[in-house]
C-alpha cells in the first residue's frame, strides 16, 4: 500500500532529529500503513517502535517487515499511560474520524517531556468566518449527550478541524493549547507537497491516476490550491 507522504523518509528523519527522538526511547507510529516508516525508524535508529493502523491488511504487511504492528483505532489506544517518548502522526490527523479524541489519547500515552510529531495537509487560506460556524456546529454534535439507542453506532459528524481538505491550523493549535502542549517547531513544508505532486504527475499523468494506482486514500476535494503541507512538533511539559 502506498500512502501520501510528501517529503518521504527524509522528512521523517528530519522530524525525529528535531524532536530528539533519534537519541533513543519508545516511539508510537499512528496510522502506520504498510509499516515502511516504522521499519525504517527501527532499522536506522534502533528505537523500540510500535505501529498501529485500523487497516488489518496494512498491519499484516507491516508485520512482514518486522514491525510490532497492531490493529488499533487512534481514538481508542490500548496502551498504558506515559508509555511513549515520541508519537508520530504522518498524514493521519486529517483523515481521522475522531480527531479530538485521537489527540487526547496520544496525550495520555505520551510521557511527560515527550513529543508529538504531526505532518499533514493544511488549509493555508481558510475562510475563518465559515470555519467558526462549522467548528461550533460540529462540536455541538460531537459533544451532545449520548442516548442508549446510539451506543455502538458511528455517527457521521463533520470534522471541526478541517476545511477544503486541509487542517485549519487555529483549530489544531487551540486543541494542543488546551492540553498545555507547547509547539516547539512549526514549518511550512508545502514545497515537499508540490514536489510530491509533480513526481506523481510525471509518473502517472495526473494525481487522480496516482491515487487510482497507488494511493490508499484520497482527500475528499483533491488537492486544493489552498492546501499546503506542514510539520509540527508539540512538547508535553514535565
C-alpha atoms as a PDB file:
ATOM      1  CA  UNK A   1       0.000   0.000   0.000  1.00  0.00           C
ATOM      2  CA  UNK A   2       1.378   3.402  -0.945  1.00  0.00           C
ATOM      3  CA  UNK A   3       0.474   6.440   1.076  1.00  0.00           C
ATOM      4  CA  UNK A   4       0.520  10.179   0.727  1.00  0.00           C
ATOM      5  CA  UNK A   5       3.819  11.139   2.353  1.00  0.00           C
ATOM      6  CA  UNK A   6       5.324  14.364   0.974  1.00  0.00           C
ATOM      7  CA  UNK A   7       8.956  14.740   1.964  1.00  0.00           C
ATOM      8  CA  UNK A   8       9.410  10.985   2.185  1.00  0.00           C
ATOM      9  CA  UNK A   9      11.659   9.363   4.745  1.00  0.00           C
ATOM     10  CA  UNK A  10      13.962  12.376   4.621  1.00  0.00           C
ATOM     11  CA  UNK A  11      11.273  14.498   6.296  1.00  0.00           C
ATOM     12  CA  UNK A  12      10.664  11.728   8.827  1.00  0.00           C
ATOM     13  CA  UNK A  13      14.368  11.679   9.709  1.00  0.00           C
ATOM     14  CA  UNK A  14      14.443  15.463   9.979  1.00  0.00           C
ATOM     15  CA  UNK A  15      11.416  15.486  12.289  1.00  0.00           C
ATOM     16  CA  UNK A  16      12.844  12.769  14.535  1.00  0.00           C
ATOM     17  CA  UNK A  17      16.131  14.611  14.836  1.00  0.00           C
ATOM     18  CA  UNK A  18      14.390  17.899  15.658  1.00  0.00           C
ATOM     19  CA  UNK A  19      12.341  16.107  18.323  1.00  0.00           C
ATOM     20  CA  UNK A  20      15.405  14.391  19.734  1.00  0.00           C
ATOM     21  CA  UNK A  21      13.823  11.010  19.054  1.00  0.00           C
ATOM     22  CA  UNK A  22      16.912   9.812  17.201  1.00  0.00           C
ATOM     23  CA  UNK A  23      18.675   9.542  20.567  1.00  0.00           C
ATOM     24  CA  UNK A  24      16.553   6.640  21.795  1.00  0.00           C
ATOM     25  CA  UNK A  25      13.310   5.840  23.574  1.00  0.00           C
ATOM     26  CA  UNK A  26       9.990   4.288  22.682  1.00  0.00           C
ATOM     27  CA  UNK A  27       8.026   5.517  19.661  1.00  0.00           C
ATOM     28  CA  UNK A  28       4.419   5.051  18.507  1.00  0.00           C
ATOM     29  CA  UNK A  29       3.642   5.383  14.784  1.00  0.00           C
ATOM     30  CA  UNK A  30      -0.069   6.193  14.435  1.00  0.00           C
ATOM     31  CA  UNK A  31      -1.577   5.256  11.075  1.00  0.00           C
ATOM     32  CA  UNK A  32       1.450   3.214  10.048  1.00  0.00           C
ATOM     33  CA  UNK A  33       0.108   1.916   6.734  1.00  0.00           C
ATOM     34  CA  UNK A  34       2.306  -0.875   5.403  1.00  0.00           C
ATOM     35  CA  UNK A  35       4.987  -0.200   8.023  1.00  0.00           C
ATOM     36  CA  UNK A  36       7.560   1.430   5.746  1.00  0.00           C
ATOM     37  CA  UNK A  37       8.237   4.308   8.143  1.00  0.00           C
ATOM     38  CA  UNK A  38       8.183   2.189  11.300  1.00  0.00           C
ATOM     39  CA  UNK A  39      10.593  -0.332   9.769  1.00  0.00           C
ATOM     40  CA  UNK A  40      12.891   2.497   8.692  1.00  0.00           C
ATOM     41  CA  UNK A  41      12.882   4.026  12.183  1.00  0.00           C
ATOM     42  CA  UNK A  42      13.552   0.686  13.820  1.00  0.00           C
ATOM     43  CA  UNK A  43      16.434  -0.126  11.476  1.00  0.00           C
ATOM     44  CA  UNK A  44      18.100   3.298  11.330  1.00  0.00           C
ATOM     45  CA  UNK A  45      17.693   4.446  14.926  1.00  0.00           C
ATOM     46  CA  UNK A  46      17.167   1.230  16.847  1.00  0.00           C
ATOM     47  CA  UNK A  47      14.145   2.713  18.586  1.00  0.00           C
ATOM     48  CA  UNK A  48      11.621   0.488  20.302  1.00  0.00           C
ATOM     49  CA  UNK A  49       8.847   1.141  17.807  1.00  0.00           C
ATOM     50  CA  UNK A  50       5.173   0.204  17.943  1.00  0.00           C
ATOM     51  CA  UNK A  51       2.898   0.885  14.971  1.00  0.00           C
ATOM     52  CA  UNK A  52      -0.894   0.940  14.724  1.00  0.00           C
ATOM     53  CA  UNK A  53      -3.463   1.174  11.941  1.00  0.00           C
ATOM     54  CA  UNK A  54      -7.159   0.360  11.599  1.00  0.00           C
ATOM     55  CA  UNK A  55      -6.491  -1.400   8.279  1.00  0.00           C
ATOM     56  CA  UNK A  56      -5.905  -5.091   9.009  1.00  0.00           C
ATOM     57  CA  UNK A  57      -4.281  -5.750   5.623  1.00  0.00           C
ATOM     58  CA  UNK A  58      -1.845  -2.873   6.129  1.00  0.00           C
ATOM     59  CA  UNK A  59      -0.916  -4.149   9.582  1.00  0.00           C
ATOM     60  CA  UNK A  60      -0.231  -7.608   8.175  1.00  0.00           C
ATOM     61  CA  UNK A  61       2.173  -6.069   5.646  1.00  0.00           C
ATOM     62  CA  UNK A  62       3.872  -4.106   8.414  1.00  0.00           C
ATOM     63  CA  UNK A  63       4.338  -7.265  10.463  1.00  0.00           C
ATOM     64  CA  UNK A  64       6.053  -8.898   7.474  1.00  0.00           C
ATOM     65  CA  UNK A  65       8.560  -6.030   7.601  1.00  0.00           C
ATOM     66  CA  UNK A  66       9.429  -6.995  11.166  1.00  0.00           C
ATOM     67  CA  UNK A  67       7.376  -4.223  12.752  1.00  0.00           C
ATOM     68  CA  UNK A  68       5.480  -4.588  16.033  1.00  0.00           C
ATOM     69  CA  UNK A  69       2.236  -3.551  14.339  1.00  0.00           C
ATOM     70  CA  UNK A  70      -1.252  -3.824  15.763  1.00  0.00           C
ATOM     71  CA  UNK A  71      -4.800  -3.226  14.549  1.00  0.00           C
ATOM     72  CA  UNK A  72      -5.963  -0.328  16.687  1.00  0.00           C
ATOM     73  CA  UNK A  73      -8.069   2.833  16.500  1.00  0.00           C
ATOM     74  CA  UNK A  74      -6.162   6.060  17.184  1.00  0.00           C
ATOM     75  CA  UNK A  75      -9.145   7.255  19.207  1.00  0.00           C
ATOM     76  CA  UNK A  76      -9.022   4.188  21.490  1.00  0.00           C
ATOM     77  CA  UNK A  77      -5.377   3.430  22.243  1.00  0.00           C
ATOM     78  CA  UNK A  78      -4.811   0.253  24.229  1.00  0.00           C
ATOM     79  CA  UNK A  79      -1.588   1.270  25.975  1.00  0.00           C
ATOM     80  CA  UNK A  80      -0.547   2.278  29.466  1.00  0.00           C
ATOM     81  CA  UNK A  81      -0.367   5.980  30.292  1.00  0.00           C
ATOM     82  CA  UNK A  82       3.018   7.641  29.775  1.00  0.00           C
ATOM     83  CA  UNK A  83       4.277   4.722  27.667  1.00  0.00           C
ATOM     84  CA  UNK A  84       5.912   6.541  24.730  1.00  0.00           C
ATOM     85  CA  UNK A  85       8.649   9.139  24.380  1.00  0.00           C
ATOM     86  CA  UNK A  86       7.585  10.107  20.860  1.00  0.00           C
ATOM     87  CA  UNK A  87       4.338   9.811  18.906  1.00  0.00           C
ATOM     88  CA  UNK A  88       4.359  10.174  15.124  1.00  0.00           C
ATOM     89  CA  UNK A  89       1.317  11.130  13.018  1.00  0.00           C
ATOM     90  CA  UNK A  90       2.251  11.479   9.347  1.00  0.00           C
ATOM     91  CA  UNK A  91      -0.662  12.312   7.011  1.00  0.00           C
ATOM     92  CA  UNK A  92      -3.043  10.855   9.589  1.00  0.00           C
ATOM     93  CA  UNK A  93      -4.816  13.564  11.587  1.00  0.00           C
ATOM     94  CA  UNK A  94      -6.632  14.963   8.543  1.00  0.00           C
ATOM     95  CA  UNK A  95      -8.327  11.625   7.792  1.00  0.00           C
ATOM     96  CA  UNK A  96      -9.280  10.563  11.314  1.00  0.00           C
ATOM     97  CA  UNK A  97     -12.974  10.426  12.159  1.00  0.00           C
ATOM     98  CA  UNK A  98     -12.439  11.284  15.827  1.00  0.00           C
ATOM     99  CA  UNK A  99      -9.630  13.801  15.689  1.00  0.00           C
ATOM    100  CA  UNK A 100     -10.038  15.387  19.111  1.00  0.00           C
ATOM    101  CA  UNK A 101     -10.243  12.008  20.825  1.00  0.00           C
ATOM    102  CA  UNK A 102      -7.122  10.838  18.970  1.00  0.00           C
ATOM    103  CA  UNK A 103      -5.094  13.820  20.194  1.00  0.00           C
ATOM    104  CA  UNK A 104      -6.333  13.300  23.751  1.00  0.00           C
ATOM    105  CA  UNK A 105      -5.413   9.613  23.556  1.00  0.00           C
ATOM    106  CA  UNK A 106      -1.959  10.484  22.228  1.00  0.00           C
ATOM    107  CA  UNK A 107      -1.505  12.948  25.085  1.00  0.00           C
ATOM    108  CA  UNK A 108      -2.343  10.283  27.656  1.00  0.00           C
ATOM    109  CA  UNK A 109       0.139   7.686  26.389  1.00  0.00           C
ATOM    110  CA  UNK A 110       2.897  10.253  25.799  1.00  0.00           C
ATOM    111  CA  UNK A 111       5.441  10.572  28.590  1.00  0.00           C
ATOM    112  CA  UNK A 112       5.997  13.900  30.309  1.00  0.00           C
ATOM    113  CA  UNK A 113       8.763  15.589  28.371  1.00  0.00           C
ATOM    114  CA  UNK A 114       7.809  13.654  25.238  1.00  0.00           C
ATOM    115  CA  UNK A 115       6.994  14.991  21.780  1.00  0.00           C
ATOM    116  CA  UNK A 116       4.086  14.631  19.370  1.00  0.00           C
ATOM    117  CA  UNK A 117       5.114  14.951  15.708  1.00  0.00           C
ATOM    118  CA  UNK A 118       2.412  15.831  13.166  1.00  0.00           C
ATOM    119  CA  UNK A 119       2.870  16.345   9.428  1.00  0.00           C
ATOM    120  CA  UNK A 120      -0.183  16.783   7.245  1.00  0.00           C
ATOM    121  CA  UNK A 121      -2.183  18.837   4.766  1.00  0.00           C
ATOM    122  CA  UNK A 122      -3.338  22.242   5.980  1.00  0.00           C
ATOM    123  CA  UNK A 123      -5.618  24.932   4.615  1.00  0.00           C
ATOM    124  CA  UNK A 124      -3.307  27.900   4.077  1.00  0.00           C
ATOM    125  CA  UNK A 125      -6.085  30.426   3.350  1.00  0.00           C
ATOM    126  CA  UNK A 126      -9.116  29.345   5.396  1.00  0.00           C
ATOM    127  CA  UNK A 127     -12.379  31.252   5.385  1.00  0.00           C
ATOM    128  CA  UNK A 128     -12.338  31.887   9.141  1.00  0.00           C
ATOM    129  CA  UNK A 129     -15.926  33.096   9.346  1.00  0.00           C
ATOM    130  CA  UNK A 130     -17.158  29.904   7.683  1.00  0.00           C
ATOM    131  CA  UNK A 131     -14.793  27.814   9.778  1.00  0.00           C
ATOM    132  CA  UNK A 132     -16.043  29.338  13.051  1.00  0.00           C
ATOM    133  CA  UNK A 133     -19.608  28.414  12.097  1.00  0.00           C
ATOM    134  CA  UNK A 134     -18.632  24.918  11.013  1.00  0.00           C
ATOM    135  CA  UNK A 135     -16.458  24.406  14.101  1.00  0.00           C
ATOM    136  CA  UNK A 136     -19.144  25.192  16.644  1.00  0.00           C
ATOM    137  CA  UNK A 137     -21.775  23.278  14.676  1.00  0.00           C
ATOM    138  CA  UNK A 138     -19.545  20.194  14.567  1.00  0.00           C
ATOM    139  CA  UNK A 139     -18.553  20.481  18.229  1.00  0.00           C
ATOM    140  CA  UNK A 140     -22.202  20.761  19.255  1.00  0.00           C
ATOM    141  CA  UNK A 141     -22.887  17.443  17.523  1.00  0.00           C
ATOM    142  CA  UNK A 142     -19.692  15.847  18.787  1.00  0.00           C
ATOM    143  CA  UNK A 143     -20.284  16.744  22.430  1.00  0.00           C
ATOM    144  CA  UNK A 144     -24.019  16.223  22.651  1.00  0.00           C
ATOM    145  CA  UNK A 145     -25.156  13.681  25.279  1.00  0.00           C
ATOM    146  CA  UNK A 146     -25.337  10.111  24.012  1.00  0.00           C
ATOM    147  CA  UNK A 147     -28.553   8.140  24.213  1.00  0.00           C
ATOM    148  CA  UNK A 148     -28.864   4.386  24.560  1.00  0.00           C
ATOM    149  CA  UNK A 149     -30.132   3.893  21.003  1.00  0.00           C
ATOM    150  CA  UNK A 150     -26.952   5.443  19.565  1.00  0.00           C
ATOM    151  CA  UNK A 151     -24.493   3.327  21.520  1.00  0.00           C
ATOM    152  CA  UNK A 152     -22.221   1.378  19.206  1.00  0.00           C
ATOM    153  CA  UNK A 153     -23.219   3.414  16.159  1.00  0.00           C
ATOM    154  CA  UNK A 154     -20.792   5.518  14.119  1.00  0.00           C
ATOM    155  CA  UNK A 155     -22.221   8.994  13.603  1.00  0.00           C
ATOM    156  CA  UNK A 156     -21.197  10.925  10.508  1.00  0.00           C
ATOM    157  CA  UNK A 157     -20.074  14.114  12.238  1.00  0.00           C
ATOM    158  CA  UNK A 158     -18.229  16.718  10.153  1.00  0.00           C
ATOM    159  CA  UNK A 159     -14.704  17.491  11.323  1.00  0.00           C
ATOM    160  CA  UNK A 160     -14.357  20.674  13.401  1.00  0.00           C
ATOM    161  CA  UNK A 161     -10.719  20.946  12.325  1.00  0.00           C
ATOM    162  CA  UNK A 162     -10.927  20.750   8.520  1.00  0.00           C
ATOM    163  CA  UNK A 163     -11.811  22.996   5.602  1.00  0.00           C
ATOM    164  CA  UNK A 164     -11.487  22.234   1.891  1.00  0.00           C
ATOM    165  CA  UNK A 165      -9.430  19.105   2.513  1.00  0.00           C
ATOM    166  CA  UNK A 166      -6.863  20.680   4.836  1.00  0.00           C
ATOM    167  CA  UNK A 167      -6.462  21.270   8.566  1.00  0.00           C
ATOM    168  CA  UNK A 168      -7.390  24.732   9.823  1.00  0.00           C
ATOM    169  CA  UNK A 169      -4.324  25.440  11.919  1.00  0.00           C
ATOM    170  CA  UNK A 170      -6.099  27.562  14.523  1.00  0.00           C
ATOM    171  CA  UNK A 171      -8.274  24.607  15.477  1.00  0.00           C
ATOM    172  CA  UNK A 172      -5.330  22.241  15.904  1.00  0.00           C
ATOM    173  CA  UNK A 173      -3.254  24.808  17.807  1.00  0.00           C
ATOM    174  CA  UNK A 174      -6.167  25.587  20.126  1.00  0.00           C
ATOM    175  CA  UNK A 175      -6.591  21.871  20.823  1.00  0.00           C
ATOM    176  CA  UNK A 176      -2.909  21.482  21.697  1.00  0.00           C
ATOM    177  CA  UNK A 177      -3.046  24.597  23.872  1.00  0.00           C
ATOM    178  CA  UNK A 178      -5.988  23.156  25.816  1.00  0.00           C
ATOM    179  CA  UNK A 179      -3.712  20.241  26.695  1.00  0.00           C
ATOM    180  CA  UNK A 180      -0.945  22.687  27.664  1.00  0.00           C
ATOM    181  CA  UNK A 181       1.326  21.283  24.972  1.00  0.00           C
ATOM    182  CA  UNK A 182       3.951  23.677  23.646  1.00  0.00           C
ATOM    183  CA  UNK A 183       4.521  23.899  19.904  1.00  0.00           C
ATOM    184  CA  UNK A 184       8.312  23.925  19.700  1.00  0.00           C
ATOM    185  CA  UNK A 185       8.540  23.682  15.918  1.00  0.00           C
ATOM    186  CA  UNK A 186       6.273  24.633  13.033  1.00  0.00           C
ATOM    187  CA  UNK A 187       7.449  24.600   9.427  1.00  0.00           C
ATOM    188  CA  UNK A 188       5.606  25.185   6.175  1.00  0.00           C
ATOM    189  CA  UNK A 189       6.653  22.210   4.032  1.00  0.00           C
ATOM    190  CA  UNK A 190       4.436  22.971   1.040  1.00  0.00           C
ATOM    191  CA  UNK A 191       7.429  22.645  -1.275  1.00  0.00           C
ATOM    192  CA  UNK A 192       7.528  18.960  -0.309  1.00  0.00           C
ATOM    193  CA  UNK A 193       3.871  18.619  -1.306  1.00  0.00           C
ATOM    194  CA  UNK A 194       4.489  20.343  -4.634  1.00  0.00           C
ATOM    195  CA  UNK A 195       7.463  18.090  -5.352  1.00  0.00           C
ATOM    196  CA  UNK A 196       5.395  15.019  -4.479  1.00  0.00           C
ATOM    197  CA  UNK A 197       2.529  16.145  -6.728  1.00  0.00           C
ATOM    198  CA  UNK A 198       4.872  16.920  -9.622  1.00  0.00           C
ATOM    199  CA  UNK A 199       6.505  13.491  -9.365  1.00  0.00           C
ATOM    200  CA  UNK A 200       3.099  11.785  -9.236  1.00  0.00           C
ATOM    201  CA  UNK A 201       2.033  13.607 -12.401  1.00  0.00           C
ATOM    202  CA  UNK A 202       5.304  12.690 -14.138  1.00  0.00           C
ATOM    203  CA  UNK A 203       4.933   9.033 -13.191  1.00  0.00           C
ATOM    204  CA  UNK A 204       1.205   8.606 -13.819  1.00  0.00           C
ATOM    205  CA  UNK A 205      -0.029  11.531 -15.895  1.00  0.00           C
ATOM    206  CA  UNK A 206      -2.223  13.014 -13.163  1.00  0.00           C
ATOM    207  CA  UNK A 207      -2.761  12.940  -9.410  1.00  0.00           C
ATOM    208  CA  UNK A 208      -6.066  11.162  -9.930  1.00  0.00           C
ATOM    209  CA  UNK A 209      -4.313   8.297 -11.738  1.00  0.00           C
ATOM    210  CA  UNK A 210      -1.675   8.132  -8.990  1.00  0.00           C
ATOM    211  CA  UNK A 211      -4.378   7.677  -6.366  1.00  0.00           C
ATOM    212  CA  UNK A 212      -6.097   5.065  -8.527  1.00  0.00           C
ATOM    213  CA  UNK A 213      -2.935   3.012  -8.980  1.00  0.00           C
ATOM    214  CA  UNK A 214      -1.034   3.525  -5.736  1.00  0.00           C
ATOM    215  CA  UNK A 215      -2.817   5.722  -3.237  1.00  0.00           C
ATOM    216  CA  UNK A 216      -4.532   4.238  -0.210  1.00  0.00           C
ATOM    217  CA  UNK A 217      -6.760   7.273   0.285  1.00  0.00           C
ATOM    218  CA  UNK A 218      -7.689  10.498  -1.402  1.00  0.00           C
ATOM    219  CA  UNK A 219      -8.597  13.884   0.083  1.00  0.00           C
ATOM    220  CA  UNK A 220     -12.323  14.498  -0.365  1.00  0.00           C
ATOM    221  CA  UNK A 221     -11.770  17.540  -2.553  1.00  0.00           C
ATOM    222  CA  UNK A 222      -8.448  16.541  -4.066  1.00  0.00           C
ATOM    223  CA  UNK A 223      -5.532  18.963  -3.794  1.00  0.00           C
ATOM    224  CA  UNK A 224      -6.963  22.444  -3.432  1.00  0.00           C
ATOM    225  CA  UNK A 225      -4.796  25.438  -4.291  1.00  0.00           C
ATOM    226  CA  UNK A 226      -5.370  26.441  -0.670  1.00  0.00           C
ATOM    227  CA  UNK A 227      -3.769  23.245   0.605  1.00  0.00           C
ATOM    228  CA  UNK A 228      -0.224  23.239   1.875  1.00  0.00           C
ATOM    229  CA  UNK A 229       1.828  20.819   3.937  1.00  0.00           C
ATOM    230  CA  UNK A 230       3.308  21.356   7.381  1.00  0.00           C
ATOM    231  CA  UNK A 231       5.491  19.829  10.059  1.00  0.00           C
ATOM    232  CA  UNK A 232       4.683  20.451  13.714  1.00  0.00           C
ATOM    233  CA  UNK A 233       6.271  19.230  16.940  1.00  0.00           C
ATOM    234  CA  UNK A 234       4.369  19.679  20.208  1.00  0.00           C
ATOM    235  CA  UNK A 235       6.130  19.123  23.539  1.00  0.00           C
ATOM    236  CA  UNK A 236       4.405  17.712  26.626  1.00  0.00           C
ATOM    237  CA  UNK A 237       5.750  19.557  29.679  1.00  0.00           C
ATOM    238  CA  UNK A 238       7.379  17.770  32.602  1.00  0.00           C
END
